[in-house]
mmCIF file of all heavy atoms, coordinates in Angstrom:
data_MODEL
# 
_entry.id   MODEL 
# 
loop_
_atom_site.group_PDB 
_atom_site.id 
_atom_site.type_symbol 
_atom_site.label_atom_id 
_atom_site.label_alt_id 
_atom_site.label_comp_id 
_atom_site.label_asym_id 
_atom_site.label_entity_id 
_atom_site.label_seq_id 
_atom_site.pdbx_PDB_ins_code 
_atom_site.Cartn_x 
_atom_site.Cartn_y 
_atom_site.Cartn_z 
_atom_site.occupancy 
_atom_site.B_iso_or_equiv 
_atom_site.pdbx_formal_charge 
_atom_site.auth_seq_id 
_atom_site.auth_comp_id 
_atom_site.auth_asym_id 
_atom_site.auth_atom_id 
_atom_site.pdbx_PDB_model_num 
ATOM 1   N N   . LEU A 1 1  ? 111.746 100.058 96.020  1.00 0.00 ? 1  LEU A N   1 
ATOM 2   C CA  . LEU A 1 1  ? 111.795 100.226 94.565  1.00 0.00 ? 1  LEU A CA  1 
ATOM 3   C C   . LEU A 1 1  ? 112.618 99.131  93.901  1.00 0.00 ? 1  LEU A C   1 
ATOM 4   O O   . LEU A 1 1  ? 113.064 99.296  92.773  1.00 0.00 ? 1  LEU A O   1 
ATOM 5   C CB  . LEU A 1 1  ? 112.392 101.596 94.223  1.00 0.00 ? 1  LEU A CB  1 
ATOM 6   C CG  . LEU A 1 1  ? 111.639 102.812 94.746  1.00 0.00 ? 1  LEU A CG  1 
ATOM 7   C CD1 . LEU A 1 1  ? 112.459 104.089 94.521  1.00 0.00 ? 1  LEU A CD1 1 
ATOM 8   C CD2 . LEU A 1 1  ? 110.286 102.948 94.090  1.00 0.00 ? 1  LEU A CD2 1 
ATOM 9   N N   . THR A 1 2  ? 112.808 98.021  94.584  1.00 0.00 ? 2  THR A N   1 
ATOM 10  C CA  . THR A 1 2  ? 113.694 96.981  94.068  1.00 0.00 ? 2  THR A CA  1 
ATOM 11  C C   . THR A 1 2  ? 112.905 95.867  93.395  1.00 0.00 ? 2  THR A C   1 
ATOM 12  O O   . THR A 1 2  ? 111.693 95.750  93.549  1.00 0.00 ? 2  THR A O   1 
ATOM 13  C CB  . THR A 1 2  ? 114.551 96.366  95.187  1.00 0.00 ? 2  THR A CB  1 
ATOM 14  O OG1 . THR A 1 2  ? 113.707 95.635  96.099  1.00 0.00 ? 2  THR A OG1 1 
ATOM 15  C CG2 . THR A 1 2  ? 115.313 97.436  95.941  1.00 0.00 ? 2  THR A CG2 1 
ATOM 16  N N   . ARG A 1 3  ? 113.645 95.049  92.685  1.00 0.00 ? 3  ARG A N   1 
ATOM 17  C CA  . ARG A 1 3  ? 113.053 93.902  92.010  1.00 0.00 ? 3  ARG A CA  1 
ATOM 18  C C   . ARG A 1 3  ? 114.079 92.780  91.963  1.00 0.00 ? 3  ARG A C   1 
ATOM 19  O O   . ARG A 1 3  ? 115.236 92.978  92.291  1.00 0.00 ? 3  ARG A O   1 
ATOM 20  C CB  . ARG A 1 3  ? 112.597 94.277  90.600  1.00 0.00 ? 3  ARG A CB  1 
ATOM 21  C CG  . ARG A 1 3  ? 113.723 94.732  89.704  1.00 0.00 ? 3  ARG A CG  1 
ATOM 22  C CD  . ARG A 1 3  ? 113.205 95.520  88.501  1.00 0.00 ? 3  ARG A CD  1 
ATOM 23  N NE  . ARG A 1 3  ? 114.253 95.748  87.509  1.00 0.00 ? 3  ARG A NE  1 
ATOM 24  C CZ  . ARG A 1 3  ? 115.218 96.663  87.641  1.00 0.00 ? 3  ARG A CZ  1 
ATOM 25  N NH1 . ARG A 1 3  ? 115.268 97.428  88.735  1.00 0.00 ? 3  ARG A NH1 1 
ATOM 26  N NH2 . ARG A 1 3  ? 116.131 96.809  86.712  1.00 0.00 ? 3  ARG A NH2 1 
ATOM 27  N N   . VAL A 1 4  ? 113.668 91.629  91.535  1.00 0.00 ? 4  VAL A N   1 
ATOM 28  C CA  . VAL A 1 4  ? 114.439 90.398  91.382  1.00 0.00 ? 4  VAL A CA  1 
ATOM 29  C C   . VAL A 1 4  ? 114.759 89.797  92.749  1.00 0.00 ? 4  VAL A C   1 
ATOM 30  O O   . VAL A 1 4  ? 113.864 89.254  93.393  1.00 0.00 ? 4  VAL A O   1 
ATOM 31  C CB  . VAL A 1 4  ? 115.678 90.582  90.487  1.00 0.00 ? 4  VAL A CB  1 
ATOM 32  C CG1 . VAL A 1 4  ? 116.359 89.234  90.245  1.00 0.00 ? 4  VAL A CG1 1 
ATOM 33  C CG2 . VAL A 1 4  ? 115.288 91.207  89.133  1.00 0.00 ? 4  VAL A CG2 1 
ATOM 34  N N   . LEU A 1 5  ? 115.993 89.893  93.286  1.00 0.00 ? 5  LEU A N   1 
ATOM 35  C CA  . LEU A 1 5  ? 116.313 89.094  94.471  1.00 0.00 ? 5  LEU A CA  1 
ATOM 36  C C   . LEU A 1 5  ? 116.952 89.861  95.619  1.00 0.00 ? 5  LEU A C   1 
ATOM 37  O O   . LEU A 1 5  ? 116.433 89.845  96.735  1.00 0.00 ? 5  LEU A O   1 
ATOM 38  C CB  . LEU A 1 5  ? 117.215 87.911  94.075  1.00 0.00 ? 5  LEU A CB  1 
ATOM 39  C CG  . LEU A 1 5  ? 117.545 86.913  95.187  1.00 0.00 ? 5  LEU A CG  1 
ATOM 40  C CD1 . LEU A 1 5  ? 116.298 86.387  95.878  1.00 0.00 ? 5  LEU A CD1 1 
ATOM 41  C CD2 . LEU A 1 5  ? 118.350 85.746  94.622  1.00 0.00 ? 5  LEU A CD2 1 
ATOM 42  N N   . ALA A 1 6  ? 118.074 90.537  95.400  1.00 0.00 ? 6  ALA A N   1 
ATOM 43  C CA  . ALA A 1 6  ? 118.808 91.129  96.526  1.00 0.00 ? 6  ALA A CA  1 
ATOM 44  C C   . ALA A 1 6  ? 117.946 92.114  97.307  1.00 0.00 ? 6  ALA A C   1 
ATOM 45  O O   . ALA A 1 6  ? 117.821 92.017  98.536  1.00 0.00 ? 6  ALA A O   1 
ATOM 46  C CB  . ALA A 1 6  ? 120.080 91.813  96.023  1.00 0.00 ? 6  ALA A CB  1 
ATOM 47  N N   . GLY A 1 7  ? 117.341 93.085  96.604  1.00 0.00 ? 7  GLY A N   1 
ATOM 48  C CA  . GLY A 1 7  ? 116.504 94.072  97.276  1.00 0.00 ? 7  GLY A CA  1 
ATOM 49  C C   . GLY A 1 7  ? 115.255 93.476  97.875  1.00 0.00 ? 7  GLY A C   1 
ATOM 50  O O   . GLY A 1 7  ? 114.941 93.711  99.057  1.00 0.00 ? 7  GLY A O   1 
ATOM 51  N N   . PRO A 1 8  ? 114.469 92.700  97.093  1.00 0.00 ? 8  PRO A N   1 
ATOM 52  C CA  . PRO A 1 8  ? 113.274 92.093  97.676  1.00 0.00 ? 8  PRO A CA  1 
ATOM 53  C C   . PRO A 1 8  ? 113.561 91.172  98.865  1.00 0.00 ? 8  PRO A C   1 
ATOM 54  O O   . PRO A 1 8  ? 112.758 91.087  99.792  1.00 0.00 ? 8  PRO A O   1 
ATOM 55  C CB  . PRO A 1 8  ? 112.678 91.314  96.496  1.00 0.00 ? 8  PRO A CB  1 
ATOM 56  C CG  . PRO A 1 8  ? 113.095 92.103  95.296  1.00 0.00 ? 8  PRO A CG  1 
ATOM 57  C CD  . PRO A 1 8  ? 114.487 92.581  95.630  1.00 0.00 ? 8  PRO A CD  1 
ATOM 58  N N   . PHE A 1 9  ? 114.702 90.482  98.848  1.00 0.00 ? 9  PHE A N   1 
ATOM 59  C CA  . PHE A 1 9  ? 115.066 89.631  99.983  1.00 0.00 ? 9  PHE A CA  1 
ATOM 60  C C   . PHE A 1 9  ? 115.269 90.485  101.229 1.00 0.00 ? 9  PHE A C   1 
ATOM 61  O O   . PHE A 1 9  ? 114.786 90.149  102.322 1.00 0.00 ? 9  PHE A O   1 
ATOM 62  C CB  . PHE A 1 9  ? 116.334 88.848  99.653  1.00 0.00 ? 9  PHE A CB  1 
ATOM 63  C CG  . PHE A 1 9  ? 116.714 87.803  100.670 1.00 0.00 ? 9  PHE A CG  1 
ATOM 64  C CD1 . PHE A 1 9  ? 115.858 86.766  100.970 1.00 0.00 ? 9  PHE A CD1 1 
ATOM 65  C CD2 . PHE A 1 9  ? 117.942 87.854  101.306 1.00 0.00 ? 9  PHE A CD2 1 
ATOM 66  C CE1 . PHE A 1 9  ? 116.215 85.797  101.904 1.00 0.00 ? 9  PHE A CE1 1 
ATOM 67  C CE2 . PHE A 1 9  ? 118.307 86.894  102.236 1.00 0.00 ? 9  PHE A CE2 1 
ATOM 68  C CZ  . PHE A 1 9  ? 117.436 85.861  102.540 1.00 0.00 ? 9  PHE A CZ  1 
ATOM 69  N N   . CYS A 1 10 ? 115.962 91.613  101.067 1.00 0.00 ? 10 CYS A N   1 
ATOM 70  C CA  . CYS A 1 10 ? 116.167 92.547  102.179 1.00 0.00 ? 10 CYS A CA  1 
ATOM 71  C C   . CYS A 1 10 ? 114.838 93.061  102.713 1.00 0.00 ? 10 CYS A C   1 
ATOM 72  O O   . CYS A 1 10 ? 114.578 93.009  103.922 1.00 0.00 ? 10 CYS A O   1 
ATOM 73  C CB  . CYS A 1 10 ? 117.042 93.714  101.723 1.00 0.00 ? 10 CYS A CB  1 
ATOM 74  S SG  . CYS A 1 10 ? 117.015 95.164  102.801 1.00 0.00 ? 10 CYS A SG  1 
ATOM 75  N N   . THR A 1 11 ? 113.984 93.550  101.822 1.00 0.00 ? 11 THR A N   1 
ATOM 76  C CA  . THR A 1 11 ? 112.742 94.162  102.299 1.00 0.00 ? 11 THR A CA  1 
ATOM 77  C C   . THR A 1 11 ? 111.777 93.131  102.866 1.00 0.00 ? 11 THR A C   1 
ATOM 78  O O   . THR A 1 11 ? 110.974 93.460  103.746 1.00 0.00 ? 11 THR A O   1 
ATOM 79  C CB  . THR A 1 11 ? 112.080 94.979  101.180 1.00 0.00 ? 11 THR A CB  1 
ATOM 80  O OG1 . THR A 1 11 ? 111.911 94.171  100.006 1.00 0.00 ? 11 THR A OG1 1 
ATOM 81  C CG2 . THR A 1 11 ? 112.938 96.191  100.826 1.00 0.00 ? 11 THR A CG2 1 
ATOM 82  N N   . MET A 1 12 ? 111.855 91.884  102.408 1.00 0.00 ? 12 MET A N   1 
ATOM 83  C CA  . MET A 1 12 ? 111.041 90.842  103.029 1.00 0.00 ? 12 MET A CA  1 
ATOM 84  C C   . MET A 1 12 ? 111.481 90.621  104.477 1.00 0.00 ? 12 MET A C   1 
ATOM 85  O O   . MET A 1 12 ? 110.635 90.448  105.369 1.00 0.00 ? 12 MET A O   1 
ATOM 86  C CB  . MET A 1 12 ? 111.129 89.530  102.257 1.00 0.00 ? 12 MET A CB  1 
ATOM 87  C CG  . MET A 1 12 ? 110.247 88.428  102.853 1.00 0.00 ? 12 MET A CG  1 
ATOM 88  S SD  . MET A 1 12 ? 110.343 86.856  101.973 1.00 0.00 ? 12 MET A SD  1 
ATOM 89  C CE  . MET A 1 12 ? 112.008 86.305  102.421 1.00 0.00 ? 12 MET A CE  1 
ATOM 90  N N   . ILE A 1 13 ? 112.777 90.597  104.721 1.00 0.00 ? 13 ILE A N   1 
ATOM 91  C CA  . ILE A 1 13 ? 113.260 90.435  106.094 1.00 0.00 ? 13 ILE A CA  1 
ATOM 92  C C   . ILE A 1 13 ? 112.748 91.581  106.971 1.00 0.00 ? 13 ILE A C   1 
ATOM 93  O O   . ILE A 1 13 ? 112.258 91.362  108.091 1.00 0.00 ? 13 ILE A O   1 
ATOM 94  C CB  . ILE A 1 13 ? 114.795 90.378  106.129 1.00 0.00 ? 13 ILE A CB  1 
ATOM 95  C CG1 . ILE A 1 13 ? 115.306 89.132  105.401 1.00 0.00 ? 13 ILE A CG1 1 
ATOM 96  C CG2 . ILE A 1 13 ? 115.307 90.392  107.567 1.00 0.00 ? 13 ILE A CG2 1 
ATOM 97  C CD1 . ILE A 1 13 ? 116.808 89.122  105.174 1.00 0.00 ? 13 ILE A CD1 1 
ATOM 98  N N   . LEU A 1 14 ? 112.839 92.805  106.455 1.00 0.00 ? 14 LEU A N   1 
ATOM 99  C CA  . LEU A 1 14 ? 112.363 93.965  107.212 1.00 0.00 ? 14 LEU A CA  1 
ATOM 100 C C   . LEU A 1 14 ? 110.852 93.867  107.439 1.00 0.00 ? 14 LEU A C   1 
ATOM 101 O O   . LEU A 1 14 ? 110.345 94.199  108.516 1.00 0.00 ? 14 LEU A O   1 
ATOM 102 C CB  . LEU A 1 14 ? 112.723 95.252  106.481 1.00 0.00 ? 14 LEU A CB  1 
ATOM 103 C CG  . LEU A 1 14 ? 114.229 95.507  106.299 1.00 0.00 ? 14 LEU A CG  1 
ATOM 104 C CD1 . LEU A 1 14 ? 114.464 96.694  105.377 1.00 0.00 ? 14 LEU A CD1 1 
ATOM 105 C CD2 . LEU A 1 14 ? 114.924 95.726  107.642 1.00 0.00 ? 14 LEU A CD2 1 
ATOM 106 N N   . GLY A 1 15 ? 110.125 93.397  106.419 1.00 0.00 ? 15 GLY A N   1 
ATOM 107 C CA  . GLY A 1 15 ? 108.694 93.192  106.580 1.00 0.00 ? 15 GLY A CA  1 
ATOM 108 C C   . GLY A 1 15 ? 108.379 92.098  107.576 1.00 0.00 ? 15 GLY A C   1 
ATOM 109 O O   . GLY A 1 15 ? 107.454 92.222  108.385 1.00 0.00 ? 15 GLY A O   1 
ATOM 110 N N   . ASP A 1 16 ? 109.147 91.005  107.535 1.00 0.00 ? 16 ASP A N   1 
ATOM 111 C CA  . ASP A 1 16 ? 108.966 89.931  108.521 1.00 0.00 ? 16 ASP A CA  1 
ATOM 112 C C   . ASP A 1 16 ? 109.131 90.466  109.940 1.00 0.00 ? 16 ASP A C   1 
ATOM 113 O O   . ASP A 1 16 ? 108.468 90.011  110.878 1.00 0.00 ? 16 ASP A O   1 
ATOM 114 C CB  . ASP A 1 16 ? 109.983 88.815  108.286 1.00 0.00 ? 16 ASP A CB  1 
ATOM 115 C CG  . ASP A 1 16 ? 109.628 87.901  107.121 1.00 0.00 ? 16 ASP A CG  1 
ATOM 116 O OD1 . ASP A 1 16 ? 108.539 88.061  106.541 1.00 0.00 ? 16 ASP A OD1 1 
ATOM 117 O OD2 . ASP A 1 16 ? 110.451 87.018  106.797 1.00 0.00 ? 16 ASP A OD2 1 
ATOM 118 N N   . LEU A 1 17 ? 110.028 91.441  110.100 1.00 0.00 ? 17 LEU A N   1 
ATOM 119 C CA  . LEU A 1 17 ? 110.301 92.007  111.418 1.00 0.00 ? 17 LEU A CA  1 
ATOM 120 C C   . LEU A 1 17 ? 109.298 93.086  111.816 1.00 0.00 ? 17 LEU A C   1 
ATOM 121 O O   . LEU A 1 17 ? 109.435 93.691  112.872 1.00 0.00 ? 17 LEU A O   1 
ATOM 122 C CB  . LEU A 1 17 ? 111.727 92.566  111.453 1.00 0.00 ? 17 LEU A CB  1 
ATOM 123 C CG  . LEU A 1 17 ? 112.834 91.509  111.429 1.00 0.00 ? 17 LEU A CG  1 
ATOM 124 C CD1 . LEU A 1 17 ? 114.193 92.150  111.196 1.00 0.00 ? 17 LEU A CD1 1 
ATOM 125 C CD2 . LEU A 1 17 ? 112.846 90.707  112.727 1.00 0.00 ? 17 LEU A CD2 1 
ATOM 126 N N   . GLY A 1 18 ? 108.297 93.338  110.979 1.00 0.00 ? 18 GLY A N   1 
ATOM 127 C CA  . GLY A 1 18 ? 107.213 94.231  111.370 1.00 0.00 ? 18 GLY A CA  1 
ATOM 128 C C   . GLY A 1 18 ? 107.146 95.556  110.655 1.00 0.00 ? 18 GLY A C   1 
ATOM 129 O O   . GLY A 1 18 ? 106.219 96.336  110.891 1.00 0.00 ? 18 GLY A O   1 
ATOM 130 N N   . ALA A 1 19 ? 108.119 95.860  109.775 1.00 0.00 ? 19 ALA A N   1 
ATOM 131 C CA  . ALA A 1 19 ? 108.069 97.122  109.045 1.00 0.00 ? 19 ALA A CA  1 
ATOM 132 C C   . ALA A 1 19 ? 106.919 97.120  108.043 1.00 0.00 ? 19 ALA A C   1 
ATOM 133 O O   . ALA A 1 19 ? 106.507 96.062  107.550 1.00 0.00 ? 19 ALA A O   1 
ATOM 134 C CB  . ALA A 1 19 ? 109.386 97.361  108.319 1.00 0.00 ? 19 ALA A CB  1 
ATOM 135 N N   . ASP A 1 20 ? 106.404 98.310  107.747 1.00 0.00 ? 20 ASP A N   1 
ATOM 136 C CA  . ASP A 1 20 ? 105.404 98.476  106.688 1.00 0.00 ? 20 ASP A CA  1 
ATOM 137 C C   . ASP A 1 20 ? 106.166 98.688  105.388 1.00 0.00 ? 20 ASP A C   1 
ATOM 138 O O   . ASP A 1 20 ? 106.756 99.742  105.166 1.00 0.00 ? 20 ASP A O   1 
ATOM 139 C CB  . ASP A 1 20 ? 104.522 99.691  106.993 1.00 0.00 ? 20 ASP A CB  1 
ATOM 140 C CG  . ASP A 1 20 ? 103.481 99.952  105.902 1.00 0.00 ? 20 ASP A CG  1 
ATOM 141 O OD1 . ASP A 1 20 ? 103.212 99.031  105.093 1.00 0.00 ? 20 ASP A OD1 1 
ATOM 142 O OD2 . ASP A 1 20 ? 102.947 101.085 105.852 1.00 0.00 ? 20 ASP A OD2 1 
ATOM 143 N N   . VAL A 1 21 ? 106.175 97.664  104.541 1.00 0.00 ? 21 VAL A N   1 
ATOM 144 C CA  . VAL A 1 21 ? 106.929 97.711  103.291 1.00 0.00 ? 21 VAL A CA  1 
ATOM 145 C C   . VAL A 1 21 ? 105.966 97.955  102.140 1.00 0.00 ? 21 VAL A C   1 
ATOM 146 O O   . VAL A 1 21 ? 105.014 97.190  101.943 1.00 0.00 ? 21 VAL A O   1 
ATOM 147 C CB  . VAL A 1 21 ? 107.707 96.401  103.052 1.00 0.00 ? 21 VAL A CB  1 
ATOM 148 C CG1 . VAL A 1 21 ? 108.454 96.449  101.714 1.00 0.00 ? 21 VAL A CG1 1 
ATOM 149 C CG2 . VAL A 1 21 ? 108.686 96.146  104.195 1.00 0.00 ? 21 VAL A CG2 1 
ATOM 150 N N   . ILE A 1 22 ? 106.213 99.037  101.398 1.00 0.00 ? 22 ILE A N   1 
ATOM 151 C CA  . ILE A 1 22 ? 105.412 99.365  100.218 1.00 0.00 ? 22 ILE A CA  1 
ATOM 152 C C   . ILE A 1 22 ? 106.248 99.039  98.989  1.00 0.00 ? 22 ILE A C   1 
ATOM 153 O O   . ILE A 1 22 ? 107.246 99.708  98.698  1.00 0.00 ? 22 ILE A O   1 
ATOM 154 C CB  . ILE A 1 22 ? 104.999 100.845 100.222 1.00 0.00 ? 22 ILE A CB  1 
ATOM 155 C CG1 . ILE A 1 22 ? 104.170 101.164 101.463 1.00 0.00 ? 22 ILE A CG1 1 
ATOM 156 C CG2 . ILE A 1 22 ? 104.232 101.183 98.940  1.00 0.00 ? 22 ILE A CG2 1 
ATOM 157 C CD1 . ILE A 1 22 ? 103.843 102.650 101.636 1.00 0.00 ? 22 ILE A CD1 1 
ATOM 158 N N   . LYS A 1 23 ? 105.851 97.995  98.278  1.00 0.00 ? 23 LYS A N   1 
ATOM 159 C CA  . LYS A 1 23 ? 106.572 97.548  97.080  1.00 0.00 ? 23 LYS A CA  1 
ATOM 160 C C   . LYS A 1 23 ? 106.031 98.316  95.875  1.00 0.00 ? 23 LYS A C   1 
ATOM 161 O O   . LYS A 1 23 ? 104.843 98.223  95.555  1.00 0.00 ? 23 LYS A O   1 
ATOM 162 C CB  . LYS A 1 23 ? 106.390 96.046  96.877  1.00 0.00 ? 23 LYS A CB  1 
ATOM 163 C CG  . LYS A 1 23 ? 107.113 95.479  95.641  1.00 0.00 ? 23 LYS A CG  1 
ATOM 164 C CD  . LYS A 1 23 ? 106.891 93.980  95.501  1.00 0.00 ? 23 LYS A CD  1 
ATOM 165 C CE  . LYS A 1 23 ? 107.573 93.412  94.264  1.00 0.00 ? 23 LYS A CE  1 
ATOM 166 N NZ  . LYS A 1 23 ? 109.048 93.400  94.377  1.00 0.00 ? 23 LYS A NZ  1 
ATOM 167 N N   . ILE A 1 24 ? 106.904 99.045  95.199  1.00 0.00 ? 24 ILE A N   1 
ATOM 168 C CA  . ILE A 1 24 ? 106.496 99.862  94.062  1.00 0.00 ? 24 ILE A CA  1 
ATOM 169 C C   . ILE A 1 24 ? 107.022 99.252  92.768  1.00 0.00 ? 24 ILE A C   1 
ATOM 170 O O   . ILE A 1 24 ? 108.213 98.973  92.634  1.00 0.00 ? 24 ILE A O   1 
ATOM 171 C CB  . ILE A 1 24 ? 106.993 101.314 94.224  1.00 0.00 ? 24 ILE A CB  1 
ATOM 172 C CG1 . ILE A 1 24 ? 106.334 101.950 95.464  1.00 0.00 ? 24 ILE A CG1 1 
ATOM 173 C CG2 . ILE A 1 24 ? 106.698 102.126 92.968  1.00 0.00 ? 24 ILE A CG2 1 
ATOM 174 C CD1 . ILE A 1 24 ? 106.747 103.376 95.731  1.00 0.00 ? 24 ILE A CD1 1 
ATOM 175 N N   . GLU A 1 25 ? 106.105 99.048  91.822  1.00 0.00 ? 25 GLU A N   1 
ATOM 176 C CA  . GLU A 1 25 ? 106.447 98.569  90.492  1.00 0.00 ? 25 GLU A CA  1 
ATOM 177 C C   . GLU A 1 25 ? 105.777 99.461  89.458  1.00 0.00 ? 25 GLU A C   1 
ATOM 178 O O   . GLU A 1 25 ? 104.887 100.257 89.785  1.00 0.00 ? 25 GLU A O   1 
ATOM 179 C CB  . GLU A 1 25 ? 105.965 97.128  90.294  1.00 0.00 ? 25 GLU A CB  1 
ATOM 180 C CG  . GLU A 1 25 ? 106.566 96.111  91.244  1.00 0.00 ? 25 GLU A CG  1 
ATOM 181 C CD  . GLU A 1 25 ? 105.931 94.751  91.051  1.00 0.00 ? 25 GLU A CD  1 
ATOM 182 O OE1 . GLU A 1 25 ? 106.289 94.062  90.082  1.00 0.00 ? 25 GLU A OE1 1 
ATOM 183 O OE2 . GLU A 1 25 ? 105.053 94.391  91.866  1.00 0.00 ? 25 GLU A OE2 1 
ATOM 184 N N   . ALA A 1 26 ? 106.180 99.326  88.211  1.00 0.00 ? 26 ALA A N   1 
ATOM 185 C CA  . ALA A 1 26 ? 105.483 99.997  87.125  1.00 0.00 ? 26 ALA A CA  1 
ATOM 186 C C   . ALA A 1 26 ? 104.107 99.370  86.948  1.00 0.00 ? 26 ALA A C   1 
ATOM 187 O O   . ALA A 1 26 ? 103.882 98.223  87.338  1.00 0.00 ? 26 ALA A O   1 
ATOM 188 C CB  . ALA A 1 26 ? 106.294 99.884  85.835  1.00 0.00 ? 26 ALA A CB  1 
# 
């Protein structure tokens, strides 16, 4: 549920490592 930089940077790393990341926006 994050946006801009800190959160998306974290979830990209987790996604790079193989997690299924669902990015939710309005």
